[in-house]
Amino acid sequence: MSAASPELALRRLELTVVRRLDGLLHGNHQGLVPGPGSELGDTRVYVPGEDDVRRMDWAVTARTTTPHVRDLIADRELETWAVVDLSASMDFGTADMEKRDLVVSAVGAIGFLTGRVGDRFGAYILNGVEVRRHPARGGRPALYALLRRLADAPRGAGAVDLGAAVESLAAAHHKRGLRVVVSDFLDDPGSWERPMRRLSSRHQVLAVEVIDPRELELPDVGLVALHDPETGRTREVHLSRRVRERYAVAAAMQREATRAALRRAGAAHLVLRTDRDWVADIVQFVLRQRRTAHLARRRQTGGR
């Protein structure tokens, strides 16, 4: 591959996001995961009829005996941080792309969308050997640098500890914002659910699950050699009808366990597949999130 090829691929990715995603998801700084998404700022005197009573600062009000509210810092001043799983299981794909390519596309889409409204974007990159921190910066050149780093990450480097990486992110960055975890979530949910719950207690959390159709069901091809890229073990298996049915059931149970754990953790859950149009899936996900948020606000305010 020539040196210009990765740059050309990133430019195509940006054009895809700008033309398809940004055009469909336009709005007044509406995020991928709707919600308050704002950091508390300074306290000031409450103005009746203009200020939301839900932002009342009761501690200051009690001390001063004068009603005070907390101003909110605009979302565009916040940081988006991502935990990006590039373990050996991502070096797999039987459809239009490898899971690794879909990871880069997902991070690029989120980065381009948040960057267009001024948010800074940083990442913790898990490659199976170490966790590399890419500092949060704004602007197109910084995002390109991150995406190049993801594209150039070593392949087949082993397994990762997703829970520990999420825990590190939660401990290092307290300012409210969007937190994104991109992974295939093949590990036992018990290893990462608690850290995800702690992360979502303060931040908006988006979990992007990347899967390949062969991880859900096996083809009827007889005897095959199955290789585990994270452990290096290889085993020959005859894919009989019974084996394929049991595998499909186990895969469905694994996905349901992941969905349930993310729901309990309070994270929004986006599924991207290597055999589907990932842009369309992101659009549908965001539109569903916005409709849900809109209906929730109407119920809270008693609107019809």
C-alpha atoms as a PDB file:
ATOM      1  CA  MET A   1       0.000   0.000   0.000  1.00  0.00           C
ATOM      2  CA  SER A   2       1.370   3.418  -0.930  1.00  0.00           C
ATOM      3  CA  ALA A   3       1.870   6.175   1.610  1.00  0.00           C
ATOM      4  CA  ALA A   4      -0.973   8.162   0.022  1.00  0.00           C
ATOM      5  CA  SER A   5      -3.504   5.320   0.346  1.00  0.00           C
ATOM      6  CA  PRO A   6      -4.247   5.729   4.095  1.00  0.00           C
ATOM      7  CA  GLU A   7      -4.664   9.485   3.643  1.00  0.00           C
ATOM      8  CA  LEU A   8      -6.989   8.905   0.692  1.00  0.00           C
ATOM      9  CA  ALA A   9      -9.036   6.440   2.750  1.00  0.00           C
ATOM     10  CA  LEU A  10      -9.401   8.984   5.555  1.00  0.00           C
ATOM     11  CA  ARG A  11     -10.498  11.678   3.107  1.00  0.00           C
ATOM     12  CA  ARG A  12     -13.137   9.324   1.718  1.00  0.00           C
ATOM     13  CA  LEU A  13     -14.287   8.642   5.274  1.00  0.00           C
ATOM     14  CA  GLU A  14     -14.610  12.367   5.978  1.00  0.00           C
ATOM     15  CA  LEU A  15     -16.598  12.903   2.777  1.00  0.00           C
ATOM     16  CA  THR A  16     -18.909  10.038   3.748  1.00  0.00           C
ATOM     17  CA  VAL A  17     -19.546  11.592   7.148  1.00  0.00           C
ATOM     18  CA  VAL A  18     -19.990  15.131   5.831  1.00  0.00           C
ATOM     19  CA  ARG A  19     -22.231  14.200   2.920  1.00  0.00           C
ATOM     20  CA  ARG A  20     -24.364  11.501   4.501  1.00  0.00           C
ATOM     21  CA  LEU A  21     -24.219  11.755   8.295  1.00  0.00           C
ATOM     22  CA  ASP A  22     -23.847  15.495   8.802  1.00  0.00           C
ATOM     23  CA  GLY A  23     -26.541  16.219   6.258  1.00  0.00           C
ATOM     24  CA  LEU A  24     -29.011  13.860   7.894  1.00  0.00           C
ATOM     25  CA  LEU A  25     -28.157  14.653  11.499  1.00  0.00           C
ATOM     26  CA  HIS A  26     -28.141  18.434  11.299  1.00  0.00           C
ATOM     27  CA  GLY A  27     -29.411  20.456  14.227  1.00  0.00           C
ATOM     28  CA  ASN A  28     -28.506  23.009  16.827  1.00  0.00           C
ATOM     29  CA  HIS A  29     -25.566  21.130  18.353  1.00  0.00           C
ATOM     30  CA  GLN A  30     -27.573  17.976  18.903  1.00  0.00           C
ATOM     31  CA  GLY A  31     -25.327  15.191  20.101  1.00  0.00           C
ATOM     32  CA  LEU A  32     -25.143  11.527  19.181  1.00  0.00           C
ATOM     33  CA  VAL A  33     -26.676  10.705  22.548  1.00  0.00           C
ATOM     34  CA  PRO A  34     -29.223  13.418  23.458  1.00  0.00           C
ATOM     35  CA  GLY A  35     -29.260  14.663  27.036  1.00  0.00           C
ATOM     36  CA  PRO A  36     -28.036  17.576  29.155  1.00  0.00           C
ATOM     37  CA  GLY A  37     -24.413  16.920  28.232  1.00  0.00           C
ATOM     38  CA  SER A  38     -23.285  20.112  29.939  1.00  0.00           C
ATOM     39  CA  GLU A  39     -20.861  20.969  32.683  1.00  0.00           C
ATOM     40  CA  LEU A  40     -21.968  23.095  35.624  1.00  0.00           C
ATOM     41  CA  GLY A  41     -20.477  26.567  35.573  1.00  0.00           C
ATOM     42  CA  ASP A  42     -20.749  29.637  37.800  1.00  0.00           C
ATOM     43  CA  THR A  43     -23.599  30.400  40.195  1.00  0.00           C
ATOM     44  CA  ARG A  44     -25.737  33.507  39.764  1.00  0.00           C
ATOM     45  CA  VAL A  45     -28.988  35.003  41.102  1.00  0.00           C
ATOM     46  CA  TYR A  46     -32.153  33.291  39.860  1.00  0.00           C
ATOM     47  CA  VAL A  47     -34.265  35.297  37.387  1.00  0.00           C
ATOM     48  CA  PRO A  48     -37.986  34.355  37.675  1.00  0.00           C
ATOM     49  CA  GLY A  49     -39.583  33.474  34.366  1.00  0.00           C
ATOM     50  CA  GLU A  50     -36.234  33.092  32.594  1.00  0.00           C
ATOM     51  CA  ASP A  51     -34.292  30.437  34.482  1.00  0.00           C
ATOM     52  CA  ASP A  52     -35.103  26.742  34.787  1.00  0.00           C
ATOM     53  CA  VAL A  53     -35.847  25.916  38.430  1.00  0.00           C
ATOM     54  CA  ARG A  54     -34.250  22.498  37.878  1.00  0.00           C
ATOM     55  CA  ARG A  55     -30.866  24.280  37.775  1.00  0.00           C
ATOM     56  CA  MET A  56     -31.412  25.806  41.211  1.00  0.00           C
ATOM     57  CA  ASP A  57     -28.310  25.646  43.409  1.00  0.00           C
ATOM     58  CA  TRP A  58     -29.913  24.868  46.753  1.00  0.00           C
ATOM     59  CA  ALA A  59     -26.673  24.939  48.729  1.00  0.00           C
ATOM     60  CA  VAL A  60     -25.863  28.523  47.678  1.00  0.00           C
ATOM     61  CA  THR A  61     -29.531  29.502  48.039  1.00  0.00           C
ATOM     62  CA  ALA A  62     -29.541  28.244  51.627  1.00  0.00           C
ATOM     63  CA  ARG A  63     -26.328  30.088  52.506  1.00  0.00           C
ATOM     64  CA  THR A  64     -27.331  33.420  50.959  1.00  0.00           C
ATOM     65  CA  THR A  65     -31.130  33.193  51.478  1.00  0.00           C
ATOM     66  CA  THR A  66     -31.397  34.393  47.861  1.00  0.00           C
ATOM     67  CA  PRO A  67     -32.355  31.963  45.065  1.00  0.00           C
ATOM     68  CA  HIS A  68     -29.363  31.080  42.875  1.00  0.00           C
ATOM     69  CA  VAL A  69     -28.984  28.904  39.771  1.00  0.00           C
ATOM     70  CA  ARG A  70     -25.987  27.305  38.110  1.00  0.00           C
ATOM     71  CA  ASP A  71     -25.124  28.336  34.581  1.00  0.00           C
ATOM     72  CA  LEU A  72     -24.242  25.584  32.132  1.00  0.00           C
ATOM     73  CA  ILE A  73     -21.151  25.465  29.973  1.00  0.00           C
ATOM     74  CA  ALA A  74     -22.062  24.869  26.328  1.00  0.00           C
ATOM     75  CA  ASP A  75     -21.518  21.361  24.987  1.00  0.00           C
ATOM     76  CA  ARG A  76     -19.071  22.630  22.387  1.00  0.00           C
ATOM     77  CA  GLU A  77     -16.626  23.380  25.191  1.00  0.00           C
ATOM     78  CA  LEU A  78     -16.563  19.761  26.317  1.00  0.00           C
ATOM     79  CA  GLU A  79     -14.330  16.823  25.473  1.00  0.00           C
ATOM     80  CA  THR A  80     -15.233  13.533  23.884  1.00  0.00           C
ATOM     81  CA  TRP A  81     -13.113  10.550  24.909  1.00  0.00           C
ATOM     82  CA  ALA A  82     -13.166   7.110  23.319  1.00  0.00           C
ATOM     83  CA  VAL A  83     -11.913   3.716  24.437  1.00  0.00           C
ATOM     84  CA  VAL A  84     -10.977   1.941  21.198  1.00  0.00           C
ATOM     85  CA  ASP A  85     -10.571  -1.849  21.218  1.00  0.00           C
ATOM     86  CA  LEU A  86      -8.058  -2.963  18.581  1.00  0.00           C
ATOM     87  CA  SER A  87      -7.377  -6.399  20.026  1.00  0.00           C
ATOM     88  CA  ALA A  88      -6.628  -9.413  17.820  1.00  0.00           C
ATOM     89  CA  SER A  89     -10.327 -10.293  17.542  1.00  0.00           C
ATOM     90  CA  MET A  90     -10.758  -7.140  15.456  1.00  0.00           C
ATOM     91  CA  ASP A  91      -8.516  -8.581  12.717  1.00  0.00           C
ATOM     92  CA  PHE A  92     -11.478 -10.506  11.386  1.00  0.00           C
ATOM     93  CA  GLY A  93     -14.071  -9.931   8.706  1.00  0.00           C
ATOM     94  CA  THR A  94     -16.028 -12.101   6.292  1.00  0.00           C
ATOM     95  CA  ALA A  95     -18.213  -9.442   4.665  1.00  0.00           C
ATOM     96  CA  ASP A  96     -17.510  -5.977   3.252  1.00  0.00           C
ATOM     97  CA  MET A  97     -14.699  -5.085   5.656  1.00  0.00           C
ATOM     98  CA  GLU A  98     -12.786  -6.226   8.700  1.00  0.00           C
ATOM     99  CA  LYS A  99     -14.036  -5.304  12.143  1.00  0.00           C
ATOM    100  CA  ARG A 100     -10.899  -3.181  12.541  1.00  0.00           C
ATOM    101  CA  ASP A 101     -11.901  -1.068   9.521  1.00  0.00           C
ATOM    102  CA  LEU A 102     -15.368  -0.599  10.980  1.00  0.00           C
ATOM    103  CA  VAL A 103     -13.833   0.541  14.283  1.00  0.00           C
ATOM    104  CA  VAL A 104     -11.840   3.242  12.473  1.00  0.00           C
ATOM    105  CA  SER A 105     -14.965   4.304  10.551  1.00  0.00           C
ATOM    106  CA  ALA A 106     -17.033   4.533  13.748  1.00  0.00           C
ATOM    107  CA  VAL A 107     -14.398   6.593  15.577  1.00  0.00           C
ATOM    108  CA  GLY A 108     -13.994   8.794  12.511  1.00  0.00           C
ATOM    109  CA  ALA A 109     -17.729   9.412  12.231  1.00  0.00           C
ATOM    110  CA  ILE A 110     -18.043  10.387  15.894  1.00  0.00           C
ATOM    111  CA  GLY A 111     -14.888  12.500  15.699  1.00  0.00           C
ATOM    112  CA  PHE A 112     -15.952  14.403  12.588  1.00  0.00           C
ATOM    113  CA  LEU A 113     -19.450  15.047  13.951  1.00  0.00           C
ATOM    114  CA  THR A 114     -18.311  16.257  17.374  1.00  0.00           C
ATOM    115  CA  GLY A 115     -15.400  18.182  15.862  1.00  0.00           C
ATOM    116  CA  ARG A 116     -17.662  20.212  13.593  1.00  0.00           C
ATOM    117  CA  VAL A 117     -19.236  21.808  16.671  1.00  0.00           C
ATOM    118  CA  GLY A 118     -15.948  22.460  18.447  1.00  0.00           C
ATOM    119  CA  ASP A 119     -15.574  19.482  20.799  1.00  0.00           C
ATOM    120  CA  ARG A 120     -12.107  18.127  21.475  1.00  0.00           C
ATOM    121  CA  PHE A 121     -11.596  14.415  20.844  1.00  0.00           C
ATOM    122  CA  GLY A 122      -9.212  12.046  22.595  1.00  0.00           C
ATOM    123  CA  ALA A 123      -8.820   8.278  22.827  1.00  0.00           C
ATOM    124  CA  TYR A 124      -7.417   5.363  24.773  1.00  0.00           C
ATOM    125  CA  ILE A 125      -6.186   2.843  22.198  1.00  0.00           C
ATOM    126  CA  LEU A 126      -6.094  -0.813  23.298  1.00  0.00           C
ATOM    127  CA  ASN A 127      -3.934  -2.975  21.027  1.00  0.00           C
ATOM    128  CA  GLY A 128      -3.420  -6.032  23.229  1.00  0.00           C
ATOM    129  CA  VAL A 129       0.083  -5.022  24.309  1.00  0.00           C
ATOM    130  CA  GLU A 130      -0.492  -1.699  26.033  1.00  0.00           C
ATOM    131  CA  VAL A 131      -2.974   1.121  26.382  1.00  0.00           C
ATOM    132  CA  ARG A 132      -1.912   4.194  24.452  1.00  0.00           C
ATOM    133  CA  ARG A 133      -3.450   7.554  25.274  1.00  0.00           C
ATOM    134  CA  HIS A 134      -4.072  10.012  22.456  1.00  0.00           C
ATOM    135  CA  PRO A 135      -4.617  13.483  23.996  1.00  0.00           C
ATOM    136  CA  ALA A 136      -7.891  15.320  23.384  1.00  0.00           C
ATOM    137  CA  ARG A 137      -7.457  18.002  20.736  1.00  0.00           C
ATOM    138  CA  GLY A 138      -9.763  19.920  18.469  1.00  0.00           C
ATOM    139  CA  GLY A 139      -9.540  20.409  14.756  1.00  0.00           C
ATOM    140  CA  ARG A 140      -9.329  18.289  11.653  1.00  0.00           C
ATOM    141  CA  PRO A 141      -5.537  17.685  11.681  1.00  0.00           C
ATOM    142  CA  ALA A 142      -5.697  16.273  15.225  1.00  0.00           C
ATOM    143  CA  LEU A 143      -8.524  13.893  14.300  1.00  0.00           C
ATOM    144  CA  TYR A 144      -6.635  12.769  11.188  1.00  0.00           C
ATOM    145  CA  ALA A 145      -3.615  12.046  13.372  1.00  0.00           C
ATOM    146  CA  LEU A 146      -5.758   9.887  15.668  1.00  0.00           C
ATOM    147  CA  LEU A 147      -7.321   7.975  12.772  1.00  0.00           C
ATOM    148  CA  ARG A 148      -3.900   7.356  11.210  1.00  0.00           C
ATOM    149  CA  ARG A 149      -2.711   6.046  14.555  1.00  0.00           C
ATOM    150  CA  LEU A 150      -5.668   3.669  14.700  1.00  0.00           C
ATOM    151  CA  ALA A 151      -5.137   2.499  11.123  1.00  0.00           C
ATOM    152  CA  ASP A 152      -1.431   1.863  11.781  1.00  0.00           C
ATOM    153  CA  ALA A 153      -1.928   0.032  15.094  1.00  0.00           C
ATOM    154  CA  PRO A 154      -0.224  -3.404  15.182  1.00  0.00           C
ATOM    155  CA  ARG A 155      -2.352  -6.390  14.249  1.00  0.00           C
ATOM    156  CA  GLY A 156      -2.801  -9.669  16.105  1.00  0.00           C
ATOM    157  CA  ALA A 157      -1.453  -8.280  19.365  1.00  0.00           C
ATOM    158  CA  GLY A 158      -3.612 -10.368  21.720  1.00  0.00           C
ATOM    159  CA  ALA A 159      -6.461  -9.712  24.140  1.00  0.00           C
ATOM    160  CA  VAL A 160      -7.271  -6.512  26.041  1.00  0.00           C
ATOM    161  CA  ASP A 161      -8.702  -5.700  29.461  1.00  0.00           C
ATOM    162  CA  LEU A 162     -11.668  -3.529  28.492  1.00  0.00           C
ATOM    163  CA  GLY A 163     -12.868  -3.040  32.053  1.00  0.00           C
ATOM    164  CA  ALA A 164      -9.498  -1.727  33.233  1.00  0.00           C
ATOM    165  CA  ALA A 165      -9.336   0.726  30.312  1.00  0.00           C
ATOM    166  CA  VAL A 166     -12.824   2.069  31.055  1.00  0.00           C
ATOM    167  CA  GLU A 167     -11.873   2.386  34.719  1.00  0.00           C
ATOM    168  CA  SER A 168      -8.756   4.371  33.781  1.00  0.00           C
ATOM    169  CA  LEU A 169     -10.787   6.703  31.583  1.00  0.00           C
ATOM    170  CA  ALA A 170     -13.338   7.336  34.330  1.00  0.00           C
ATOM    171  CA  ALA A 171     -10.611   8.062  36.873  1.00  0.00           C
ATOM    172  CA  ALA A 172      -8.588  10.395  34.668  1.00  0.00           C
ATOM    173  CA  HIS A 173     -11.296  12.655  33.212  1.00  0.00           C
ATOM    174  CA  HIS A 174     -13.987  14.002  35.529  1.00  0.00           C
ATOM    175  CA  LYS A 175     -15.352  16.869  33.448  1.00  0.00           C
ATOM    176  CA  ARG A 176     -18.712  15.889  32.000  1.00  0.00           C
ATOM    177  CA  GLY A 177     -18.919  14.998  28.347  1.00  0.00           C
ATOM    178  CA  LEU A 178     -19.472  12.176  25.877  1.00  0.00           C
ATOM    179  CA  ARG A 179     -17.604   8.904  26.433  1.00  0.00           C
ATOM    180  CA  VAL A 180     -17.516   6.303  23.669  1.00  0.00           C
ATOM    181  CA  VAL A 181     -16.482   2.654  24.027  1.00  0.00           C
ATOM    182  CA  VAL A 182     -15.893   0.875  20.694  1.00  0.00           C
ATOM    183  CA  SER A 183     -15.433  -2.887  21.034  1.00  0.00           C
ATOM    184  CA  ASP A 184     -16.813  -6.276  20.026  1.00  0.00           C
ATOM    185  CA  PHE A 185     -17.608  -6.868  23.738  1.00  0.00           C
ATOM    186  CA  LEU A 186     -16.676 -10.552  23.479  1.00  0.00           C
ATOM    187  CA  ASP A 187     -15.425 -10.622  27.063  1.00  0.00           C
ATOM    188  CA  ASP A 188     -17.645 -11.635  29.955  1.00  0.00           C
ATOM    189  CA  PRO A 189     -19.844  -8.601  30.769  1.00  0.00           C
ATOM    190  CA  GLY A 190     -18.916  -9.067  34.399  1.00  0.00           C
ATOM    191  CA  SER A 191     -15.421  -7.804  33.596  1.00  0.00           C
ATOM    192  CA  TRP A 192     -16.568  -4.419  32.278  1.00  0.00           C
ATOM    193  CA  GLU A 193     -20.140  -3.751  33.460  1.00  0.00           C
ATOM    194  CA  ARG A 194     -19.224  -2.150  36.787  1.00  0.00           C
ATOM    195  CA  PRO A 195     -16.650   0.272  35.275  1.00  0.00           C
ATOM    196  CA  MET A 196     -19.175   1.189  32.558  1.00  0.00           C
ATOM    197  CA  ARG A 197     -21.781   1.910  35.212  1.00  0.00           C
ATOM    198  CA  ARG A 198     -19.375   4.194  37.062  1.00  0.00           C
ATOM    199  CA  LEU A 199     -18.531   5.971  33.812  1.00  0.00           C
ATOM    200  CA  SER A 200     -22.176   6.570  32.907  1.00  0.00           C
ATOM    201  CA  SER A 201     -22.970   7.913  36.373  1.00  0.00           C
ATOM    202  CA  ARG A 202     -21.208  11.141  35.382  1.00  0.00           C
ATOM    203  CA  HIS A 203     -21.007  11.144  31.586  1.00  0.00           C
ATOM    204  CA  GLN A 204     -23.099  10.342  28.566  1.00  0.00           C
ATOM    205  CA  VAL A 205     -21.834   6.955  27.401  1.00  0.00           C
ATOM    206  CA  LEU A 206     -22.173   5.460  23.940  1.00  0.00           C
ATOM    207  CA  ALA A 207     -21.205   1.797  23.499  1.00  0.00           C
ATOM    208  CA  VAL A 208     -20.497   0.846  19.885  1.00  0.00           C
ATOM    209  CA  GLU A 209     -20.587  -2.929  19.412  1.00  0.00           C
ATOM    210  CA  VAL A 210     -18.777  -4.116  16.270  1.00  0.00           C
ATOM    211  CA  ILE A 211     -19.683  -7.569  15.000  1.00  0.00           C
ATOM    212  CA  ASP A 212     -19.252  -9.805  11.946  1.00  0.00           C
ATOM    213  CA  PRO A 213     -22.040 -12.138  10.717  1.00  0.00           C
ATOM    214  CA  ARG A 214     -19.818 -15.207  11.181  1.00  0.00           C
ATOM    215  CA  GLU A 215     -19.735 -14.439  14.895  1.00  0.00           C
ATOM    216  CA  LEU A 216     -23.503 -14.964  14.975  1.00  0.00           C
ATOM    217  CA  GLU A 217     -23.845 -18.103  12.876  1.00  0.00           C
ATOM    218  CA  LEU A 218     -21.535 -20.589  11.172  1.00  0.00           C
ATOM    219  CA  PRO A 219     -21.762 -21.681   7.523  1.00  0.00           C
ATOM    220  CA  ASP A 220     -22.522 -25.242   6.429  1.00  0.00           C
ATOM    221  CA  VAL A 221     -19.036 -26.059   5.120  1.00  0.00           C
ATOM    222  CA  GLY A 222     -18.141 -29.301   6.908  1.00  0.00           C
ATOM    223  CA  LEU A 223     -14.702 -29.623   8.514  1.00  0.00           C
ATOM    224  CA  VAL A 224     -12.931 -26.318   9.253  1.00  0.00           C
ATOM    225  CA  ALA A 225      -9.931 -25.162  11.269  1.00  0.00           C
ATOM    226  CA  LEU A 226     -10.979 -22.458  13.765  1.00  0.00           C
ATOM    227  CA  HIS A 227      -8.278 -20.132  15.019  1.00  0.00           C
ATOM    228  CA  ASP A 228      -8.549 -17.923  18.119  1.00  0.00           C
ATOM    229  CA  PRO A 229      -6.504 -14.797  17.296  1.00  0.00           C
ATOM    230  CA  GLU A 230      -6.252 -13.716  20.935  1.00  0.00           C
ATOM    231  CA  THR A 231      -4.932 -17.020  22.338  1.00  0.00           C
ATOM    232  CA  GLY A 232      -3.324 -18.417  19.189  1.00  0.00           C
ATOM    233  CA  ARG A 233      -5.096 -21.768  19.591  1.00  0.00           C
ATOM    234  CA  THR A 234      -6.371 -23.641  16.527  1.00  0.00           C
ATOM    235  CA  ARG A 235      -8.912 -26.453  16.530  1.00  0.00           C
ATOM    236  CA  GLU A 236     -10.538 -28.500  13.776  1.00  0.00           C
ATOM    237  CA  VAL A 237     -14.327 -28.678  14.061  1.00  0.00           C
ATOM    238  CA  HIS A 238     -16.903 -30.403  11.897  1.00  0.00           C
ATOM    239  CA  LEU A 239     -19.707 -27.888  11.441  1.00  0.00           C
ATOM    240  CA  SER A 240     -22.615 -30.273  11.626  1.00  0.00           C
ATOM    241  CA  ARG A 241     -26.152 -28.991  11.857  1.00  0.00           C
ATOM    242  CA  ARG A 242     -26.203 -29.603  15.624  1.00  0.00           C
ATOM    243  CA  VAL A 243     -22.919 -27.719  16.141  1.00  0.00           C
ATOM    244  CA  ARG A 244     -24.138 -24.776  14.072  1.00  0.00           C
ATOM    245  CA  GLU A 245     -27.434 -24.610  15.944  1.00  0.00           C
ATOM    246  CA  ARG A 246     -25.713 -24.729  19.333  1.00  0.00           C
ATOM    247  CA  TYR A 247     -23.255 -22.056  18.208  1.00  0.00           C
ATOM    248  CA  ALA A 248     -26.088 -19.777  17.043  1.00  0.00           C
ATOM    249  CA  VAL A 249     -27.865 -20.173  20.384  1.00  0.00           C
ATOM    250  CA  ALA A 250     -24.659 -19.439  22.334  1.00  0.00           C
ATOM    251  CA  ALA A 251     -23.932 -16.388  20.148  1.00  0.00           C
ATOM    252  CA  ALA A 252     -27.459 -15.044  20.661  1.00  0.00           C
ATOM    253  CA  MET A 253     -27.124 -15.513  24.426  1.00  0.00           C
ATOM    254  CA  GLN A 254     -23.783 -13.702  24.405  1.00  0.00           C
ATOM    255  CA  ARG A 255     -25.245 -10.741  22.523  1.00  0.00           C
ATOM    256  CA  GLU A 256     -28.268 -10.602  24.825  1.00  0.00           C
ATOM    257  CA  ALA A 257     -25.962 -10.626  27.873  1.00  0.00           C
ATOM    258  CA  THR A 258     -24.049  -7.706  26.346  1.00  0.00           C
ATOM    259  CA  ARG A 259     -27.258  -5.766  25.641  1.00  0.00           C
ATOM    260  CA  ALA A 260     -28.555  -6.354  29.167  1.00  0.00           C
ATOM    261  CA  ALA A 261     -25.257  -5.331  30.799  1.00  0.00           C
ATOM    262  CA  LEU A 262     -25.054  -2.114  28.775  1.00  0.00           C
ATOM    263  CA  ARG A 263     -28.677  -1.320  29.595  1.00  0.00           C
ATOM    264  CA  ARG A 264     -28.019  -1.831  33.320  1.00  0.00           C
ATOM    265  CA  ALA A 265     -24.906   0.337  33.039  1.00  0.00           C
ATOM    266  CA  GLY A 266     -26.951   3.177  31.537  1.00  0.00           C
ATOM    267  CA  ALA A 267     -25.055   3.270  28.232  1.00  0.00           C
ATOM    268  CA  ALA A 268     -26.605   3.891  24.841  1.00  0.00           C
ATOM    269  CA  HIS A 269     -25.983   0.878  22.601  1.00  0.00           C
ATOM    270  CA  LEU A 270     -25.165   1.122  18.886  1.00  0.00           C
ATOM    271  CA  VAL A 271     -24.546  -2.079  16.896  1.00  0.00           C
ATOM    272  CA  LEU A 272     -22.495  -1.887  13.689  1.00  0.00           C
ATOM    273  CA  ARG A 273     -21.991  -4.896  11.424  1.00  0.00           C
ATOM    274  CA  THR A 274     -19.415  -5.539   8.739  1.00  0.00           C
ATOM    275  CA  ASP A 275     -22.155  -6.703   6.370  1.00  0.00           C
ATOM    276  CA  ARG A 276     -24.409  -3.655   6.724  1.00  0.00           C
ATOM    277  CA  ASP A 277     -24.385   0.018   5.761  1.00  0.00           C
ATOM    278  CA  TRP A 278     -22.782   1.452   8.905  1.00  0.00           C
ATOM    279  CA  VAL A 279     -23.724   5.022   7.957  1.00  0.00           C
ATOM    280  CA  ALA A 280     -27.417   4.130   7.738  1.00  0.00           C
ATOM    281  CA  ASP A 281     -27.197   2.275  11.056  1.00  0.00           C
ATOM    282  CA  ILE A 282     -25.702   5.332  12.790  1.00  0.00           C
ATOM    283  CA  VAL A 283     -28.405   7.572  11.324  1.00  0.00           C
ATOM    284  CA  GLN A 284     -31.212   5.269  12.453  1.00  0.00           C
ATOM    285  CA  PHE A 285     -29.657   4.976  15.917  1.00  0.00           C
ATOM    286  CA  VAL A 286     -29.370   8.747  16.394  1.00  0.00           C
ATOM    287  CA  LEU A 287     -32.897   9.402  15.140  1.00  0.00           C
ATOM    288  CA  ARG A 288     -34.278   6.792  17.552  1.00  0.00           C
ATOM    289  CA  GLN A 289     -32.315   8.342  20.420  1.00  0.00           C
ATOM    290  CA  ARG A 290     -33.662  11.796  19.618  1.00  0.00           C
ATOM    291  CA  ARG A 291     -37.246  10.592  19.370  1.00  0.00           C
ATOM    292  CA  THR A 292     -36.882   8.818  22.718  1.00  0.00           C
ATOM    293  CA  ALA A 293     -35.367  11.926  24.336  1.00  0.00           C
ATOM    294  CA  HIS A 294     -38.115  14.125  22.889  1.00  0.00           C
ATOM    295  CA  LEU A 295     -40.868  11.873  24.227  1.00  0.00           C
ATOM    296  CA  ALA A 296     -39.182  11.739  27.633  1.00  0.00           C
ATOM    297  CA  ARG A 297     -39.039  15.549  27.807  1.00  0.00           C
ATOM    298  CA  ARG A 298     -42.717  15.785  26.877  1.00  0.00           C
ATOM    299  CA  ARG A 299     -43.657  13.380  29.656  1.00  0.00           C
ATOM    300  CA  GLN A 300     -41.575  15.329  32.175  1.00  0.00           C
ATOM    301  CA  THR A 301     -43.189  18.643  31.222  1.00  0.00           C
ATOM    302  CA  GLY A 302     -46.693  17.204  30.872  1.00  0.00           C
ATOM    303  CA  GLY A 303     -46.838  18.186  27.201  1.00  0.00           C
ATOM    304  CA  ARG A 304     -49.228  16.656  24.718  1.00  0.00           C
END
